[in-house]
Amino acid sequence: MDINIVLSLINTRLRDFYSSKEELLDDMDSAYEMVKKLEENGYEYSKELNRFVITQQTSN
């Protein structure tokens, strides 16, 4: 799955249904692999924003 689609899906879920990454991971079994993919591609979870944000550019 394209990283931009993963980012959009996870951030939409966080915005609409979950107040933290932990809640998302506890409730949505498929989220673990998507979160892992985001983190491997330079994204990190911001507690203040309750969403994943880019932290570094990767050379994919």
Protein backbone atom coordinates (compact mmCIF):
# COMPACT_ATOMS: atom_id res chain seq x y z
CA MET A 1 0.00 0.00 0.00
CA ASP A 2 1.30 3.47 -0.88
CA ILE A 3 2.73 5.38 2.10
CA ASN A 4 0.50 8.39 1.39
CA ILE A 5 -2.61 6.23 1.56
CA VAL A 6 -1.40 4.66 4.80
CA LEU A 7 -0.74 8.11 6.28
CA SER A 8 -4.16 9.37 5.25
CA LEU A 9 -5.96 6.29 6.57
CA ILE A 10 -4.21 6.26 9.94
CA ASN A 11 -4.48 10.01 10.52
CA THR A 12 -8.16 9.97 9.55
CA ARG A 13 -8.82 7.15 12.01
CA LEU A 14 -6.96 9.03 14.74
CA ARG A 15 -8.90 12.22 14.03
CA ASP A 16 -12.33 10.62 13.80
CA PHE A 17 -12.26 7.69 16.22
CA TYR A 18 -9.24 7.56 18.56
CA SER A 19 -7.67 9.96 21.03
CA SER A 20 -4.24 8.29 20.95
CA LYS A 21 -2.03 5.93 18.97
CA GLU A 22 -2.36 3.38 21.77
CA GLU A 23 -6.16 3.33 21.48
CA LEU A 24 -5.86 2.84 17.74
CA LEU A 25 -3.44 -0.05 18.13
CA ASP A 26 -5.53 -1.67 20.87
CA ASP A 27 -8.69 -1.56 18.77
CA MET A 28 -7.53 -2.01 15.18
CA ASP A 29 -5.50 -5.17 14.55
CA SER A 30 -4.35 -4.10 11.09
CA ALA A 31 -2.99 -0.78 12.37
CA TYR A 32 0.23 -2.25 13.76
CA GLU A 33 1.73 -2.97 10.32
CA MET A 34 0.60 0.39 8.96
CA VAL A 35 2.11 2.27 11.93
CA LYS A 36 5.33 0.31 11.48
CA LYS A 37 5.42 1.28 7.79
CA LEU A 38 4.91 4.95 8.68
CA GLU A 39 7.71 4.87 11.23
CA GLU A 40 10.05 3.14 8.77
CA ASN A 41 9.35 5.93 6.28
CA GLY A 42 10.27 8.83 8.55
CA TYR A 43 6.95 9.56 10.28
CA GLU A 44 6.41 9.77 14.01
CA TYR A 45 3.34 10.08 16.17
CA SER A 46 2.72 13.51 17.70
CA LYS A 47 0.74 13.26 20.95
CA GLU A 48 -0.02 16.98 20.82
CA LEU A 49 -1.54 16.73 17.34
CA ASN A 50 -2.80 13.15 17.66
CA ARG A 51 -1.47 12.33 14.21
CA PHE A 52 1.60 11.14 12.37
CA VAL A 53 3.92 13.82 11.04
CA ILE A 54 7.06 13.65 8.91
CA THR A 55 10.29 13.82 10.90
CA GLN A 56 12.86 13.11 8.22
CA GLN A 57 13.12 12.73 4.50
CA THR A 58 13.95 9.23 3.33
CA SER A 59 15.62 8.25 0.11
CA ASN A 60 13.21 5.60 -1.20
